[in-house]
Protein backbone atom coordinates (compact mmCIF):
# COMPACT_ATOMS: atom_id res chain seq x y z
CA MET A 1 -42.41 6.88 -74.67
CA SER A 2 -43.63 3.76 -73.37
CA ASP A 3 -43.78 2.62 -69.64
CA ALA A 4 -41.98 -0.64 -70.97
CA PHE A 5 -38.60 1.20 -71.23
CA ILE A 6 -38.82 2.67 -67.64
CA PRO A 7 -36.59 0.23 -65.35
CA ARG A 8 -38.63 -1.51 -62.47
CA HIS A 9 -36.13 -0.80 -59.73
CA SER A 10 -36.77 2.97 -60.25
CA SER A 11 -40.37 2.59 -59.35
CA PRO A 12 -41.58 4.15 -55.91
CA GLU A 13 -43.15 0.94 -54.90
CA TYR A 14 -39.77 -1.39 -55.25
CA SER A 15 -38.14 -1.68 -52.14
CA ALA A 16 -34.53 -3.43 -51.47
CA PRO A 17 -34.54 -6.88 -50.40
CA HIS A 18 -34.64 -7.80 -46.67
CA HIS A 19 -32.57 -10.28 -45.03
CA SER A 20 -34.64 -12.32 -42.92
CA PRO A 21 -33.30 -14.34 -40.14
CA PRO A 22 -32.35 -18.16 -40.98
CA SER A 23 -35.07 -20.29 -41.75
CA TYR A 24 -33.24 -23.10 -39.90
CA PRO A 25 -33.48 -23.58 -35.88
CA THR A 26 -30.71 -22.48 -33.98
CA TYR A 27 -31.15 -25.30 -31.23
CA PRO A 28 -30.32 -28.89 -31.96
CA THR A 29 -32.85 -30.87 -33.88
CA TYR A 30 -31.64 -34.44 -33.00
CA PRO A 31 -31.37 -35.99 -29.64
CA TRP A 32 -27.97 -36.94 -30.09
CA GLN A 33 -26.64 -33.60 -30.91
CA GLN A 34 -25.09 -31.52 -28.05
CA PRO A 35 -26.88 -28.42 -27.05
CA PRO A 36 -24.55 -25.23 -27.82
CA ALA A 37 -22.31 -24.24 -25.65
CA PRO A 38 -23.08 -20.70 -23.59
CA PRO A 39 -20.95 -17.97 -24.23
CA ALA A 40 -17.99 -17.95 -21.86
CA ARG A 41 -18.33 -15.18 -19.15
CA PRO A 42 -14.90 -13.67 -18.47
CA ARG A 43 -13.95 -13.84 -14.72
CA MET A 44 -13.92 -10.80 -12.93
CA PRO A 45 -11.15 -10.21 -10.59
CA SER A 46 -12.07 -10.37 -6.65
CA HIS A 47 -10.37 -7.25 -5.81
CA PRO A 48 -10.48 -3.96 -7.58
CA PRO A 49 -8.38 -2.90 -10.31
CA LEU A 50 -4.59 -1.90 -9.55
CA GLY A 51 -4.85 1.86 -10.25
CA HIS A 52 -7.57 2.13 -7.50
CA HIS A 53 -5.59 -0.17 -5.09
CA SER A 54 -5.24 1.03 -1.55
CA ASP A 55 -2.09 -0.82 -1.57
CA LEU A 56 -0.88 1.73 -3.74
CA ARG A 57 -1.69 4.65 -1.38
CA LEU A 58 0.16 2.36 1.38
CA LEU A 59 3.19 2.24 -0.61
CA ARG A 60 3.13 5.96 -1.28
CA THR A 61 2.99 6.52 2.50
CA ALA A 62 5.61 4.28 3.67
CA TYR A 63 7.93 5.50 1.15
CA ARG A 64 7.34 9.16 1.92
CA TRP A 65 8.01 8.27 5.40
CA GLN A 66 10.89 6.72 4.52
CA ARG A 67 12.28 9.34 2.97
CA ARG A 68 11.53 11.74 5.64
CA VAL A 69 13.27 9.98 8.23
CA ALA A 70 16.38 9.68 6.21
CA THR A 71 16.31 12.82 5.01
CA LEU A 72 15.55 14.50 8.41
CA THR A 73 18.28 12.24 10.15
CA ALA A 74 21.31 13.60 7.65
CA LEU A 75 20.19 16.89 7.11
CA GLY A 76 18.78 17.72 10.66
CA TYR A 77 22.38 17.01 11.90
CA PHE A 78 24.03 18.71 9.59
CA VAL A 79 21.67 21.83 10.55
CA LEU A 80 22.46 21.67 14.26
CA PHE A 81 25.88 21.35 13.54
CA LEU A 82 25.88 24.79 11.19
CA LEU A 83 23.49 26.28 13.96
CA LEU A 84 26.03 25.58 16.68
CA SER A 85 28.89 26.78 14.63
CA ALA A 86 27.03 29.91 13.98
CA PHE A 87 25.48 30.89 17.42
CA ALA A 88 27.64 28.60 20.25
CA PRO A 89 31.05 29.23 19.34
CA SER A 90 32.31 29.17 22.71
CA PHE A 91 30.67 25.50 22.75
CA MET A 92 32.39 24.66 19.72
CA THR A 93 35.89 25.80 20.52
CA ALA A 94 35.78 23.74 23.78
CA THR A 95 38.55 21.19 24.06
CA VAL A 96 37.48 17.81 24.55
CA SER A 97 40.72 16.20 25.15
CA GLY A 98 44.34 16.83 23.93
CA GLY A 99 43.72 19.45 20.51
CA LEU A 100 40.22 17.90 19.98
CA THR A 101 37.47 20.70 19.97
CA MET A 102 34.10 19.79 20.21
CA GLY A 103 33.20 21.36 16.80
CA LEU A 104 35.86 18.96 15.32
CA LEU A 105 34.49 16.22 16.94
CA LEU A 106 30.95 16.91 15.96
CA GLY A 107 32.33 17.47 12.36
CA LEU A 108 33.78 14.02 12.42
CA LEU A 109 30.68 12.37 13.53
CA GLN A 110 28.84 13.83 10.47
CA LEU A 111 30.08 10.66 8.59
CA PRO A 112 28.99 8.20 11.18
CA VAL A 113 25.42 9.95 11.26
CA THR A 114 25.19 9.72 7.75
CA CYS A 115 26.15 5.90 7.51
CA VAL A 116 23.28 5.48 10.06
CA ALA A 117 20.93 7.52 7.89
CA ILE A 118 21.90 5.26 5.17
CA ALA A 119 21.13 2.05 7.36
CA VAL A 120 17.94 3.30 8.44
CA TYR A 121 16.89 4.19 5.09
CA GLU A 122 17.74 0.26 4.15
CA TYR A 123 15.94 -1.09 7.15
CA THR A 124 12.97 0.97 6.32
CA ALA A 125 12.97 -0.20 2.68
CA ARG A 126 13.64 -3.65 3.45
CA HIS A 127 10.75 -3.98 6.30
CA GLY A 128 8.22 -1.57 5.33
CA VAL A 129 8.48 -0.61 1.50
CA ASP A 130 9.76 -3.66 -0.23
CA PRO A 131 7.03 -5.95 1.13
CA ILE A 132 4.42 -3.81 -0.23
CA ALA A 133 5.90 -3.19 -3.27
CA ASP A 134 6.40 -6.90 -3.76
CA ARG A 135 2.76 -7.71 -3.08
CA ILE A 136 1.82 -5.11 -5.71
CA ARG A 137 4.12 -6.50 -8.29
CA ARG A 138 2.76 -9.84 -7.68
CA GLN A 139 -0.87 -9.00 -7.93
CA ALA A 140 -0.17 -6.96 -11.14
CA GLU A 141 1.53 -9.95 -12.73
CA LEU A 142 -1.63 -12.13 -11.79
CA ASP A 143 -3.89 -9.42 -13.42
CA THR A 144 -1.70 -9.46 -16.48
CA GLY A 145 -1.87 -13.18 -16.67
CA ARG A 146 -5.70 -13.09 -16.26
CA GLY A 147 -5.50 -10.47 -19.08
CA ALA A 148 -3.89 -12.35 -21.29
CA ALA A 149 -6.15 -15.74 -20.47
CA ARG A 150 -9.07 -13.67 -22.10
């Protein structure tokens, strides 16, 4: 066999062609050409990401206090009524006026106390929790808008 039949690309000194960088300049070569624009840097928000925001902790704390106050108002009165019924029967059977006993009066006051607990819950929501939630919502909308603009 002769060496003429061996393909050249199988020889050990053969290497794959290299792709060299372009031979033309990447800068403007003519004075009337505008220089290439620098790549746009994304604007970073001036506040930390929403997940690590202190407003979320503030919102959780305000909401927790709101639930506790409303729950303890309604349940506390009911538990007081039950304890008085169990351990102070003479107080609960005392007559207030006519045929109205103290136990019946306290039982009828359960409805207004529950309404007061609802009113306190709504007041604290409107003045304490909702402004924080609205601020977080607006900030999230701004962050979403910035993310879509990128």
